[in-house]
Amino acid sequence: MSTDHDVQWGKWVGAVVGVFVFIKSLAFVFARLWRLARNEVEARGGDVAFVLGLAERRKGGGAQGGA
């Protein structure tokens, strides 16, 4: 009887630890992606400046040497 009882506790503990590790892994990946996105925005001088820069390059012809 005690071995069956121990196995049930082991399954519950394993399930709880597995869920905890899964949540921590998701939080880690989300934090890395958030940091990467924030660094990209900072490197480009902000979202608005980047979008405006794209619009200017498109109007000017970009690398094709238009106007």
N, C-alpha and C. Protein backbone atom coordinates (compact mmCIF):
# COMPACT_ATOMS: atom_id res chain seq x y z
N MET A 1 0.82 -1.19 0.00
CA MET A 1 0.00 0.00 0.00
C MET A 1 0.87 1.26 0.00
N SER A 2 1.96 1.23 0.74
CA SER A 2 2.77 2.45 0.82
C SER A 2 3.47 2.74 -0.51
N THR A 3 3.82 1.70 -1.27
CA THR A 3 4.49 1.95 -2.56
C THR A 3 3.52 2.61 -3.54
N ASP A 4 2.26 2.16 -3.57
CA ASP A 4 1.27 2.80 -4.44
C ASP A 4 1.06 4.25 -4.03
N HIS A 5 1.01 4.49 -2.76
CA HIS A 5 0.83 5.84 -2.24
C HIS A 5 2.03 6.72 -2.61
N ASP A 6 3.23 6.18 -2.49
CA ASP A 6 4.44 6.93 -2.84
C ASP A 6 4.48 7.24 -4.35
N VAL A 7 4.04 6.30 -5.16
CA VAL A 7 4.05 6.51 -6.61
C VAL A 7 3.09 7.63 -6.97
N GLN A 8 1.90 7.66 -6.34
CA GLN A 8 0.95 8.72 -6.62
C GLN A 8 1.52 10.08 -6.24
N TRP A 9 2.19 10.17 -5.09
CA TRP A 9 2.82 11.43 -4.69
C TRP A 9 3.91 11.81 -5.67
N GLY A 10 4.66 10.82 -6.11
CA GLY A 10 5.73 11.08 -7.06
C GLY A 10 5.20 11.65 -8.37
N LYS A 11 4.07 11.12 -8.83
CA LYS A 11 3.46 11.62 -10.06
C LYS A 11 3.00 13.07 -9.89
N TRP A 12 2.38 13.36 -8.75
CA TRP A 12 1.91 14.72 -8.50
C TRP A 12 3.08 15.70 -8.41
N VAL A 13 4.10 15.30 -7.69
CA VAL A 13 5.27 16.18 -7.55
C VAL A 13 5.94 16.38 -8.91
N GLY A 14 6.06 15.31 -9.68
CA GLY A 14 6.64 15.42 -11.01
C GLY A 14 5.83 16.33 -11.92
N ALA A 15 4.51 16.21 -11.84
CA ALA A 15 3.65 17.05 -12.67
C ALA A 15 3.76 18.52 -12.27
N VAL A 16 3.78 18.80 -10.99
CA VAL A 16 3.89 20.19 -10.51
C VAL A 16 5.24 20.78 -10.89
N VAL A 17 6.30 20.01 -10.70
CA VAL A 17 7.63 20.49 -11.06
C VAL A 17 7.73 20.69 -12.57
N GLY A 18 7.16 19.78 -13.35
CA GLY A 18 7.18 19.92 -14.80
C GLY A 18 6.46 21.18 -15.27
N VAL A 19 5.29 21.46 -14.70
CA VAL A 19 4.56 22.68 -15.04
C VAL A 19 5.36 23.91 -14.64
N PHE A 20 5.98 23.88 -13.47
CA PHE A 20 6.79 25.00 -13.00
C PHE A 20 7.96 25.25 -13.94
N VAL A 21 8.65 24.21 -14.34
CA VAL A 21 9.79 24.35 -15.25
C VAL A 21 9.31 24.87 -16.61
N PHE A 22 8.17 24.40 -17.08
CA PHE A 22 7.61 24.87 -18.35
C PHE A 22 7.30 26.37 -18.29
N ILE A 23 6.68 26.81 -17.21
CA ILE A 23 6.35 28.23 -17.06
C ILE A 23 7.62 29.07 -16.99
N LYS A 24 8.61 28.60 -16.24
CA LYS A 24 9.88 29.33 -16.15
C LYS A 24 10.56 29.40 -17.51
N SER A 25 10.49 28.34 -18.29
CA SER A 25 11.09 28.34 -19.63
C SER A 25 10.38 29.34 -20.54
N LEU A 26 9.07 29.37 -20.49
CA LEU A 26 8.32 30.34 -21.28
C LEU A 26 8.67 31.77 -20.87
N ALA A 27 8.79 32.01 -19.58
CA ALA A 27 9.15 33.35 -19.11
C ALA A 27 10.54 33.73 -19.59
N PHE A 28 11.47 32.79 -19.57
CA PHE A 28 12.82 33.05 -20.03
C PHE A 28 12.84 33.41 -21.51
N VAL A 29 12.14 32.62 -22.33
CA VAL A 29 12.11 32.87 -23.77
C VAL A 29 11.43 34.21 -24.05
N PHE A 30 10.33 34.50 -23.38
CA PHE A 30 9.64 35.77 -23.57
C PHE A 30 10.53 36.94 -23.18
N ALA A 31 11.27 36.82 -22.08
CA ALA A 31 12.17 37.89 -21.65
C ALA A 31 13.28 38.11 -22.67
N ARG A 32 13.82 37.04 -23.22
CA ARG A 32 14.87 37.18 -24.25
C ARG A 32 14.33 37.86 -25.50
N LEU A 33 13.15 37.46 -25.96
CA LEU A 33 12.55 38.09 -27.14
C LEU A 33 12.24 39.56 -26.88
N TRP A 34 11.74 39.87 -25.68
CA TRP A 34 11.43 41.25 -25.33
C TRP A 34 12.71 42.09 -25.31
N ARG A 35 13.78 41.54 -24.74
CA ARG A 35 15.04 42.27 -24.69
C ARG A 35 15.60 42.49 -26.10
N LEU A 36 15.50 41.50 -26.96
CA LEU A 36 15.97 41.63 -28.33
C LEU A 36 15.17 42.71 -29.07
N ALA A 37 13.86 42.69 -28.92
CA ALA A 37 13.02 43.69 -29.59
C ALA A 37 13.34 45.09 -29.07
N ARG A 38 13.52 45.23 -27.77
CA ARG A 38 13.82 46.54 -27.20
C ARG A 38 15.17 47.04 -27.68
N ASN A 39 16.15 46.17 -27.76
CA ASN A 39 17.47 46.57 -28.25
C ASN A 39 17.42 46.98 -29.71
N GLU A 40 16.62 46.29 -30.52
CA GLU A 40 16.49 46.66 -31.92
C GLU A 40 15.86 48.05 -32.06
N VAL A 41 14.83 48.32 -31.26
CA VAL A 41 14.18 49.63 -31.33
C VAL A 41 15.15 50.71 -30.91
N GLU A 42 15.92 50.46 -29.85
CA GLU A 42 16.89 51.46 -29.39
C GLU A 42 17.98 51.67 -30.44
N ALA A 43 18.42 50.62 -31.07
CA ALA A 43 19.49 50.73 -32.07
C ALA A 43 19.01 51.52 -33.29
N ARG A 44 17.73 51.41 -33.61
CA ARG A 44 17.21 52.12 -34.78
C ARG A 44 16.74 53.52 -34.43
N GLY A 45 16.83 53.93 -33.19
CA GLY A 45 16.43 55.28 -32.80
C GLY A 45 14.96 55.41 -32.52
N GLY A 46 14.28 54.34 -32.28
CA GLY A 46 12.85 54.38 -31.96
C GLY A 46 12.02 53.89 -33.12
N ASP A 47 10.84 53.44 -32.81
CA ASP A 47 9.93 52.88 -33.80
C ASP A 47 9.53 53.92 -34.85
N VAL A 48 9.15 55.11 -34.40
CA VAL A 48 8.63 56.12 -35.32
C VAL A 48 9.72 56.54 -36.30
N ALA A 49 10.92 56.76 -35.79
CA ALA A 49 12.01 57.18 -36.67
C ALA A 49 12.30 56.09 -37.71
N PHE A 50 12.24 54.85 -37.32
CA PHE A 50 12.50 53.75 -38.25
C PHE A 50 11.43 53.71 -39.35
N VAL A 51 10.17 53.84 -38.95
CA VAL A 51 9.08 53.80 -39.93
C VAL A 51 9.18 55.00 -40.86
N LEU A 52 9.48 56.19 -40.31
CA LEU A 52 9.62 57.37 -41.16
C LEU A 52 10.81 57.21 -42.10
N GLY A 53 11.87 56.61 -41.62
CA GLY A 53 13.03 56.36 -42.47
C GLY A 53 12.68 55.46 -43.63
N LEU A 54 11.86 54.45 -43.39
CA LEU A 54 11.43 53.57 -44.48
C LEU A 54 10.60 54.35 -45.50
N ALA A 55 9.72 55.21 -45.01
CA ALA A 55 8.89 55.99 -45.92
C ALA A 55 9.75 56.91 -46.77
N GLU A 56 10.75 57.54 -46.18
CA GLU A 56 11.63 58.44 -46.93
C GLU A 56 12.42 57.67 -47.98
N ARG A 57 12.92 56.51 -47.61
CA ARG A 57 13.70 55.71 -48.56
C ARG A 57 12.83 55.23 -49.71
N ARG A 58 11.57 54.90 -49.40
CA ARG A 58 10.67 54.43 -50.45
C ARG A 58 10.38 55.58 -51.43
N LYS A 59 10.14 56.79 -50.88
CA LYS A 59 9.87 57.96 -51.74
C LYS A 59 11.08 58.29 -52.60
N GLY A 60 12.27 58.20 -52.01
CA GLY A 60 13.49 58.58 -52.70
C GLY A 60 14.00 57.50 -53.63
N GLY A 61 13.42 56.36 -53.66
CA GLY A 61 13.85 55.32 -54.56
C GLY A 61 14.82 54.35 -53.92
N GLY A 62 15.21 54.60 -52.68
CA GLY A 62 16.06 53.67 -51.94
C GLY A 62 17.39 53.48 -52.58
N ALA A 63 17.82 52.25 -52.77
CA ALA A 63 19.15 51.94 -53.29
C ALA A 63 19.22 52.04 -54.81
N GLN A 64 18.07 52.21 -55.47
CA GLN A 64 18.07 52.28 -56.92
C GLN A 64 18.57 53.64 -57.43
N GLY A 65 18.74 54.62 -56.55
CA GLY A 65 19.26 55.91 -56.95
C GLY A 65 18.23 56.81 -57.59
N GLY A 66 16.95 56.66 -57.18
CA GLY A 66 15.90 57.53 -57.69
C GLY A 66 16.10 58.95 -57.18
N ALA A 67 15.05 59.76 -57.14
CA ALA A 67 15.11 61.16 -56.74
C ALA A 67 15.94 61.37 -55.57
